[in-house]
PDB file of N, CA and C in Angstrom:
ATOM      1  N   UNK A   1    -166.877 226.264 183.033  1.00  0.00           N
ATOM      2  CA  UNK A   1    -167.447 225.613 182.323  1.00  0.00           C
ATOM      3  C   UNK A   1    -166.524 225.260 181.328  1.00  0.00           C
ATOM      4  N   UNK A   2    -165.056 226.271 181.126  1.00  0.00           N
ATOM      5  CA  UNK A   2    -164.561 226.670 180.000  1.00  0.00           C
ATOM      6  C   UNK A   2    -163.062 226.267 180.235  1.00  0.00           C
ATOM      7  N   UNK A   3    -162.986 225.725 181.905  1.00  0.00           N
ATOM      8  CA  UNK A   3    -162.265 225.415 181.889  1.00  0.00           C
ATOM      9  C   UNK A   3    -162.256 223.243 181.866  1.00  0.00           C
ATOM     10  N   UNK A   4    -163.944 223.041 181.335  1.00  0.00           N
ATOM     11  CA  UNK A   4    -164.665 221.690 181.357  1.00  0.00           C
ATOM     12  C   UNK A   4    -163.923 221.612 179.669  1.00  0.00           C
ATOM     13  N   UNK A   5    -163.939 222.444 179.003  1.00  0.00           N
ATOM     14  CA  UNK A   5    -163.950 222.615 177.925  1.00  0.00           C
ATOM     15  C   UNK A   5    -162.254 222.493 177.088  1.00  0.00           C
ATOM     16  N   UNK A   6    -161.679 223.375 178.128  1.00  0.00           N
ATOM     17  CA  UNK A   6    -159.771 222.655 178.176  1.00  0.00           C
ATOM     18  C   UNK A   6    -159.993 221.913 177.692  1.00  0.00           C
ATOM     19  N   UNK A   7    -159.767 221.206 178.831  1.00  0.00           N
ATOM     20  CA  UNK A   7    -160.201 220.128 179.521  1.00  0.00           C
ATOM     21  C   UNK A   7    -160.173 218.677 178.068  1.00  0.00           C
ATOM     22  N   UNK A   8    -161.644 219.026 178.044  1.00  0.00           N
ATOM     23  CA  UNK A   8    -161.778 218.170 177.294  1.00  0.00           C
ATOM     24  C   UNK A   8    -161.500 218.384 175.543  1.00  0.00           C
ATOM     25  N   UNK A   9    -160.962 219.661 175.163  1.00  0.00           N
ATOM     26  CA  UNK A   9    -160.416 219.055 174.114  1.00  0.00           C
ATOM     27  C   UNK A   9    -158.841 218.626 173.641  1.00  0.00           C
ATOM     28  N   UNK A  10    -158.494 218.664 174.945  1.00  0.00           N
ATOM     29  CA  UNK A  10    -156.885 218.206 175.575  1.00  0.00           C
ATOM     30  C   UNK A  10    -157.488 216.271 175.647  1.00  0.00           C
ATOM     31  N   UNK A  11    -158.484 215.986 176.005  1.00  0.00           N
ATOM     32  CA  UNK A  11    -158.694 215.109 176.306  1.00  0.00           C
ATOM     33  C   UNK A  11    -158.512 213.599 175.179  1.00  0.00           C
ATOM     34  N   UNK A  12    -159.512 215.013 174.042  1.00  0.00           N
ATOM     35  CA  UNK A  12    -160.216 214.172 172.471  1.00  0.00           C
ATOM     36  C   UNK A  12    -158.786 214.557 172.158  1.00  0.00           C
ATOM     37  N   UNK A  13    -158.046 214.892 171.565  1.00  0.00           N
ATOM     38  CA  UNK A  13    -157.168 215.408 171.293  1.00  0.00           C
ATOM     39  C   UNK A  13    -155.877 213.633 171.664  1.00  0.00           C
ATOM     40  N   UNK A  14    -155.912 213.895 172.816  1.00  0.00           N
ATOM     41  CA  UNK A  14    -155.404 212.620 173.799  1.00  0.00           C
ATOM     42  C   UNK A  14    -155.549 211.240 172.881  1.00  0.00           C
ATOM     43  N   UNK A  15    -156.899 211.263 173.079  1.00  0.00           N
ATOM     44  CA  UNK A  15    -157.553 209.943 172.167  1.00  0.00           C
ATOM     45  C   UNK A  15    -157.578 209.744 170.664  1.00  0.00           C
ATOM     46  N   UNK A  16    -156.972 210.622 170.450  1.00  0.00           N
ATOM     47  CA  UNK A  16    -156.009 210.477 168.478  1.00  0.00           C
ATOM     48  C   UNK A  16    -154.901 210.327 168.392  1.00  0.00           C
ATOM     49  N   UNK A  17    -154.867 210.031 166.700  1.00  0.00           N
ATOM     50  CA  UNK A  17    -154.054 209.447 166.800  1.00  0.00           C
ATOM     51  C   UNK A  17    -152.831 210.949 166.295  1.00  0.00           C
ATOM     52  N   UNK A  18    -151.371 210.785 167.047  1.00  0.00           N
ATOM     53  CA  UNK A  18    -150.457 212.677 166.988  1.00  0.00           C
ATOM     54  C   UNK A  18    -151.155 213.510 166.217  1.00  0.00           C
ATOM     55  N   UNK A  19    -150.814 213.422 165.309  1.00  0.00           N
ATOM     56  CA  UNK A  19    -151.635 213.972 163.918  1.00  0.00           C
ATOM     57  C   UNK A  19    -152.827 214.386 163.669  1.00  0.00           C
ATOM     58  N   UNK A  20    -153.478 213.832 164.347  1.00  0.00           N
ATOM     59  CA  UNK A  20    -154.923 214.031 163.557  1.00  0.00           C
ATOM     60  C   UNK A  20    -155.312 215.460 163.978  1.00  0.00           C
ATOM     61  N   UNK A  21    -156.367 215.326 164.086  1.00  0.00           N
ATOM     62  CA  UNK A  21    -157.346 217.159 163.940  1.00  0.00           C
ATOM     63  C   UNK A  21    -159.003 217.015 164.739  1.00  0.00           C
ATOM     64  N   UNK A  22    -159.461 217.833 165.756  1.00  0.00           N
ATOM     65  CA  UNK A  22    -160.810 217.907 165.585  1.00  0.00           C
ATOM     66  C   UNK A  22    -161.640 219.133 165.199  1.00  0.00           C
ATOM     67  N   UNK A  23    -162.937 218.715 165.571  1.00  0.00           N
ATOM     68  CA  UNK A  23    -163.267 220.001 165.334  1.00  0.00           C
ATOM     69  C   UNK A  23    -163.834 220.428 166.022  1.00  0.00           C
ATOM     70  N   UNK A  24    -164.168 221.338 166.520  1.00  0.00           N
ATOM     71  CA  UNK A  24    -164.554 222.569 167.603  1.00  0.00           C
ATOM     72  C   UNK A  24    -165.869 221.700 167.609  1.00  0.00           C
ATOM     73  N   UNK A  25    -166.876 221.826 166.992  1.00  0.00           N
ATOM     74  CA  UNK A  25    -168.220 221.322 167.062  1.00  0.00           C
ATOM     75  C   UNK A  25    -168.512 219.920 167.593  1.00  0.00           C
ATOM     76  N   UNK A  26    -166.595 219.030 167.618  1.00  0.00           N
ATOM     77  CA  UNK A  26    -166.912 217.370 168.646  1.00  0.00           C
ATOM     78  C   UNK A  26    -167.251 217.947 169.988  1.00  0.00           C
ATOM     79  N   UNK A  27    -166.374 218.987 170.007  1.00  0.00           N
ATOM     80  CA  UNK A  27    -166.167 219.008 171.576  1.00  0.00           C
ATOM     81  C   UNK A  27    -168.350 220.456 172.474  1.00  0.00           C
ATOM     82  N   UNK A  28    -168.587 221.079 171.908  1.00  0.00           N
ATOM     83  CA  UNK A  28    -169.514 221.445 171.858  1.00  0.00           C
ATOM     84  C   UNK A  28    -170.808 220.009 171.840  1.00  0.00           C
ATOM     85  N   UNK A  29    -170.179 218.888 170.942  1.00  0.00           N
ATOM     86  CA  UNK A  29    -171.154 218.086 171.325  1.00  0.00           C
ATOM     87  C   UNK A  29    -171.366 217.029 172.525  1.00  0.00           C
ATOM     88  N   UNK A  30    -169.807 217.246 172.410  1.00  0.00           N
ATOM     89  CA  UNK A  30    -169.286 216.550 173.987  1.00  0.00           C
ATOM     90  C   UNK A  30    -170.129 217.265 175.230  1.00  0.00           C
ATOM     91  N   UNK A  31    -169.935 218.806 175.154  1.00  0.00           N
ATOM     92  CA  UNK A  31    -170.165 219.306 175.850  1.00  0.00           C
ATOM     93  C   UNK A  31    -171.795 219.638 176.712  1.00  0.00           C
ATOM     94  N   UNK A  32    -172.070 219.139 175.340  1.00  0.00           N
ATOM     95  CA  UNK A  32    -174.020 219.094 175.235  1.00  0.00           C
ATOM     96  C   UNK A  32    -174.178 217.632 176.227  1.00  0.00           C
ATOM     97  N   UNK A  33    -173.497 216.683 175.639  1.00  0.00           N
ATOM     98  CA  UNK A  33    -174.523 215.572 176.296  1.00  0.00           C
ATOM     99  C   UNK A  33    -174.094 215.489 177.093  1.00  0.00           C
ATOM    100  N   UNK A  34    -172.384 215.733 178.036  1.00  0.00           N
ATOM    101  CA  UNK A  34    -172.593 215.715 179.612  1.00  0.00           C
ATOM    102  C   UNK A  34    -173.465 216.991 180.111  1.00  0.00           C
ATOM    103  N   UNK A  35    -173.918 217.813 179.687  1.00  0.00           N
ATOM    104  CA  UNK A  35    -175.222 219.037 180.568  1.00  0.00           C
ATOM    105  C   UNK A  35    -176.742 218.015 179.714  1.00  0.00           C
ATOM    106  N   UNK A  36    -176.363 216.633 179.457  1.00  0.00           N
ATOM    107  CA  UNK A  36    -178.029 216.032 178.981  1.00  0.00           C
ATOM    108  C   UNK A  36    -178.862 216.834 178.265  1.00  0.00           C
ATOM    109  N   UNK A  37    -178.600 218.302 176.847  1.00  0.00           N
ATOM    110  CA  UNK A  37    -178.702 218.076 176.227  1.00  0.00           C
ATOM    111  C   UNK A  37    -178.157 218.413 174.849  1.00  0.00           C
ATOM    112  N   UNK A  38    -178.554 217.285 174.576  1.00  0.00           N
ATOM    113  CA  UNK A  38    -177.346 216.850 173.158  1.00  0.00           C
ATOM    114  C   UNK A  38    -177.725 217.620 171.806  1.00  0.00           C
ATOM    115  N   UNK A  39    -178.889 217.426 171.646  1.00  0.00           N
ATOM    116  CA  UNK A  39    -179.813 218.299 170.662  1.00  0.00           C
ATOM    117  C   UNK A  39    -179.341 220.225 170.340  1.00  0.00           C
ATOM    118  N   UNK A  40    -179.208 220.575 171.582  1.00  0.00           N
ATOM    119  CA  UNK A  40    -178.712 221.773 171.302  1.00  0.00           C
ATOM    120  C   UNK A  40    -177.304 221.935 171.583  1.00  0.00           C
ATOM    121  N   UNK A  41    -176.346 221.453 170.932  1.00  0.00           N
ATOM    122  CA  UNK A  41    -175.198 221.312 171.200  1.00  0.00           C
ATOM    123  C   UNK A  41    -174.474 223.113 170.874  1.00  0.00           C
ATOM    124  N   UNK A  42    -175.085 223.492 170.184  1.00  0.00           N
ATOM    125  CA  UNK A  42    -174.039 225.406 168.977  1.00  0.00           C
ATOM    126  C   UNK A  42    -174.445 226.014 170.665  1.00  0.00           C
ATOM    127  N   UNK A  43    -175.265 225.872 171.252  1.00  0.00           N
ATOM    128  CA  UNK A  43    -175.269 227.410 172.706  1.00  0.00           C
ATOM    129  C   UNK A  43    -173.918 227.253 173.202  1.00  0.00           C
ATOM    130  N   UNK A  44    -173.256 225.687 173.024  1.00  0.00           N
ATOM    131  CA  UNK A  44    -172.002 225.481 173.889  1.00  0.00           C
ATOM    132  C   UNK A  44    -170.616 226.010 172.780  1.00  0.00           C
ATOM    133  N   UNK A  45    -170.881 226.160 171.459  1.00  0.00           N
ATOM    134  CA  UNK A  45    -170.122 226.947 170.357  1.00  0.00           C
ATOM    135  C   UNK A  45    -168.884 228.144 170.990  1.00  0.00           C
ATOM    136  N   UNK A  46    -169.967 229.624 171.918  1.00  0.00           N
ATOM    137  CA  UNK A  46    -169.104 229.967 171.899  1.00  0.00           C
ATOM    138  C   UNK A  46    -167.852 229.532 173.835  1.00  0.00           C
ATOM    139  N   UNK A  47    -168.316 228.766 174.305  1.00  0.00           N
ATOM    140  CA  UNK A  47    -167.254 227.809 174.975  1.00  0.00           C
ATOM    141  C   UNK A  47    -166.474 227.813 174.757  1.00  0.00           C
ATOM    142  N   UNK A  48    -166.359 226.705 173.714  1.00  0.00           N
ATOM    143  CA  UNK A  48    -165.563 225.938 172.850  1.00  0.00           C
ATOM    144  C   UNK A  48    -164.257 227.379 172.627  1.00  0.00           C
ATOM    145  N   UNK A  49    -164.704 227.624 171.976  1.00  0.00           N
ATOM    146  CA  UNK A  49    -164.152 229.194 171.117  1.00  0.00           C
ATOM    147  C   UNK A  49    -163.282 229.587 172.167  1.00  0.00           C
ATOM    148  N   UNK A  50    -163.911 230.061 172.981  1.00  0.00           N
ATOM    149  CA  UNK A  50    -163.597 230.913 174.557  1.00  0.00           C
ATOM    150  C   UNK A  50    -162.075 229.630 174.664  1.00  0.00           C
ATOM    151  N   UNK A  51    -162.611 228.676 175.069  1.00  0.00           N
ATOM    152  CA  UNK A  51    -161.585 227.611 175.455  1.00  0.00           C
ATOM    153  C   UNK A  51    -160.356 227.158 174.301  1.00  0.00           C
ATOM    154  N   UNK A  52    -160.074 227.582 173.064  1.00  0.00           N
ATOM    155  CA  UNK A  52    -159.923 226.912 172.252  1.00  0.00           C
ATOM    156  C   UNK A  52    -158.890 228.121 172.265  1.00  0.00           C
ATOM    157  N   UNK A  53    -159.426 229.850 172.120  1.00  0.00           N
ATOM    158  CA  UNK A  53    -158.333 230.855 172.319  1.00  0.00           C
ATOM    159  C   UNK A  53    -157.544 230.965 173.510  1.00  0.00           C
ATOM    160  N   UNK A  54    -157.923 230.347 174.859  1.00  0.00           N
ATOM    161  CA  UNK A  54    -156.677 230.013 176.112  1.00  0.00           C
ATOM    162  C   UNK A  54    -155.851 228.992 175.248  1.00  0.00           C
ATOM    163  N   UNK A  55    -156.521 228.459 175.342  1.00  0.00           N
ATOM    164  CA  UNK A  55    -154.925 226.471 174.539  1.00  0.00           C
ATOM    165  C   UNK A  55    -154.510 226.710 173.265  1.00  0.00           C
ATOM    166  N   UNK A  56    -154.952 228.019 172.522  1.00  0.00           N
ATOM    167  CA  UNK A  56    -153.891 228.231 171.537  1.00  0.00           C
ATOM    168  C   UNK A  56    -152.370 229.478 172.542  1.00  0.00           C
ATOM    169  N   UNK A  57    -153.598 230.143 173.276  1.00  0.00           N
ATOM    170  CA  UNK A  57    -152.422 231.395 173.686  1.00  0.00           C
ATOM    171  C   UNK A  57    -151.809 231.203 174.285  1.00  0.00           C
ATOM    172  N   UNK A  58    -151.868 229.643 175.442  1.00  0.00           N
ATOM    173  CA  UNK A  58    -150.800 229.051 176.336  1.00  0.00           C
ATOM    174  C   UNK A  58    -149.802 228.061 175.440  1.00  0.00           C
ATOM    175  N   UNK A  59    -150.337 228.046 173.803  1.00  0.00           N
ATOM    176  CA  UNK A  59    -149.349 226.909 173.340  1.00  0.00           C
ATOM    177  C   UNK A  59    -149.355 225.373 173.340  1.00  0.00           C
ATOM    178  N   UNK A  60    -150.419 224.945 173.610  1.00  0.00           N
ATOM    179  CA  UNK A  60    -150.873 223.666 173.920  1.00  0.00           C
ATOM    180  C   UNK A  60    -151.505 223.285 172.634  1.00  0.00           C
ATOM    181  N   UNK A  61    -152.439 223.730 171.868  1.00  0.00           N
ATOM    182  CA  UNK A  61    -153.168 223.324 170.580  1.00  0.00           C
ATOM    183  C   UNK A  61    -152.210 224.503 169.680  1.00  0.00           C
ATOM    184  N   UNK A  62    -152.686 224.068 168.391  1.00  0.00           N
ATOM    185  CA  UNK A  62    -152.472 224.649 167.433  1.00  0.00           C
ATOM    186  C   UNK A  62    -154.388 225.142 166.108  1.00  0.00           C
ATOM    187  N   UNK A  63    -154.133 225.602 165.579  1.00  0.00           N
ATOM    188  CA  UNK A  63    -155.008 225.717 164.885  1.00  0.00           C
ATOM    189  C   UNK A  63    -154.468 225.261 162.937  1.00  0.00           C
ATOM    190  N   UNK A  64    -155.682 224.292 162.542  1.00  0.00           N
ATOM    191  CA  UNK A  64    -155.752 224.660 161.023  1.00  0.00           C
ATOM    192  C   UNK A  64    -157.241 224.466 160.306  1.00  0.00           C
ATOM    193  N   UNK A  65    -155.868 225.271 159.113  1.00  0.00           N
ATOM    194  CA  UNK A  65    -157.825 224.711 158.309  1.00  0.00           C
ATOM    195  C   UNK A  65    -157.435 224.208 156.575  1.00  0.00           C
ATOM    196  N   UNK A  66    -157.632 223.199 155.954  1.00  0.00           N
ATOM    197  CA  UNK A  66    -157.447 222.574 155.022  1.00  0.00           C
ATOM    198  C   UNK A  66    -155.819 222.688 154.652  1.00  0.00           C
ATOM    199  N   UNK A  67    -155.079 222.610 156.281  1.00  0.00           N
ATOM    200  CA  UNK A  67    -153.564 221.912 156.544  1.00  0.00           C
ATOM    201  C   UNK A  67    -152.800 222.634 155.925  1.00  0.00           C
ATOM    202  N   UNK A  68    -153.413 224.213 155.962  1.00  0.00           N
ATOM    203  CA  UNK A  68    -152.733 225.726 156.753  1.00  0.00           C
ATOM    204  C   UNK A  68    -152.580 225.996 157.597  1.00  0.00           C
ATOM    205  N   UNK A  69    -151.640 226.638 159.101  1.00  0.00           N
ATOM    206  CA  UNK A  69    -151.687 226.021 160.462  1.00  0.00           C
ATOM    207  C   UNK A  69    -152.463 228.058 160.012  1.00  0.00           C
ATOM    208  N   UNK A  70    -153.340 227.866 161.187  1.00  0.00           N
ATOM    209  CA  UNK A  70    -154.181 229.512 161.315  1.00  0.00           C
ATOM    210  C   UNK A  70    -153.169 230.220 162.372  1.00  0.00           C
ATOM    211  N   UNK A  71    -152.757 231.577 162.089  1.00  0.00           N
ATOM    212  CA  UNK A  71    -152.374 231.939 163.326  1.00  0.00           C
ATOM    213  C   UNK A  71    -153.244 232.147 164.465  1.00  0.00           C
ATOM    214  N   UNK A  72    -154.707 232.323 163.913  1.00  0.00           N
ATOM    215  CA  UNK A  72    -155.210 232.674 165.286  1.00  0.00           C
ATOM    216  C   UNK A  72    -157.189 231.980 164.323  1.00  0.00           C
ATOM    217  N   UNK A  73    -157.739 232.308 165.517  1.00  0.00           N
ATOM    218  CA  UNK A  73    -159.499 231.557 165.618  1.00  0.00           C
ATOM    219  C   UNK A  73    -160.331 232.205 164.652  1.00  0.00           C
ATOM    220  N   UNK A  74    -159.777 232.289 163.731  1.00  0.00           N
ATOM    221  CA  UNK A  74    -160.604 233.084 162.389  1.00  0.00           C
ATOM    222  C   UNK A  74    -161.709 232.128 161.666  1.00  0.00           C
ATOM    223  N   UNK A  75    -162.625 232.544 161.859  1.00  0.00           N
ATOM    224  CA  UNK A  75    -163.731 231.218 160.298  1.00  0.00           C
ATOM    225  C   UNK A  75    -163.414 229.600 160.333  1.00  0.00           C
ATOM    226  N   UNK A  76    -163.665 228.781 160.053  1.00  0.00           N
ATOM    227  CA  UNK A  76    -163.610 227.397 160.043  1.00  0.00           C
ATOM    228  C   UNK A  76    -162.253 226.930 160.451  1.00  0.00           C
ATOM    229  N   UNK A  77    -162.033 226.222 161.237  1.00  0.00           N
ATOM    230  CA  UNK A  77    -161.049 225.562 161.634  1.00  0.00           C
ATOM    231  C   UNK A  77    -161.414 224.126 161.840  1.00  0.00           C
ATOM    232  N   UNK A  78    -159.958 223.918 162.192  1.00  0.00           N
ATOM    233  CA  UNK A  78    -159.701 222.210 162.852  1.00  0.00           C
ATOM    234  C   UNK A  78    -158.676 222.073 164.407  1.00  0.00           C
ATOM    235  N   UNK A  79    -158.859 221.713 165.191  1.00  0.00           N
ATOM    236  CA  UNK A  79    -157.799 221.839 166.107  1.00  0.00           C
ATOM    237  C   UNK A  79    -156.601 220.564 166.091  1.00  0.00           C
ATOM    238  N   UNK A  80    -155.716 220.789 166.375  1.00  0.00           N
ATOM    239  CA  UNK A  80    -154.531 220.000 166.992  1.00  0.00           C
ATOM    240  C   UNK A  80    -153.428 219.900 167.547  1.00  0.00           C
ATOM    241  N   UNK A  81    -152.739 219.045 168.470  1.00  0.00           N
ATOM    242  CA  UNK A  81    -151.779 219.211 169.407  1.00  0.00           C
ATOM    243  C   UNK A  81    -151.243 220.176 168.961  1.00  0.00           C
ATOM    244  N   UNK A  82    -150.183 220.900 169.901  1.00  0.00           N
ATOM    245  CA  UNK A  82    -149.076 221.750 169.505  1.00  0.00           C
ATOM    246  C   UNK A  82    -147.912 220.934 169.309  1.00  0.00           C
TER     247      UNK A  82
END
């Protein structure tokens, strides 16, 4: 599932403007919809957070909040291309 979440993040970012960001809840909602359980998307958030941590450590994404780059995932954040 984590591999699916990582690929989904990258795919969602691919379909956005180069400087656009993505909310982690968008990824969780898409995972929940794919699993046929759109109403309980929050249960997918730990998987999304793990995927984001891996993608960030691989240098494939960067995290930000209100325009500021975050060195690690903490509190609210947005996902952008590296």
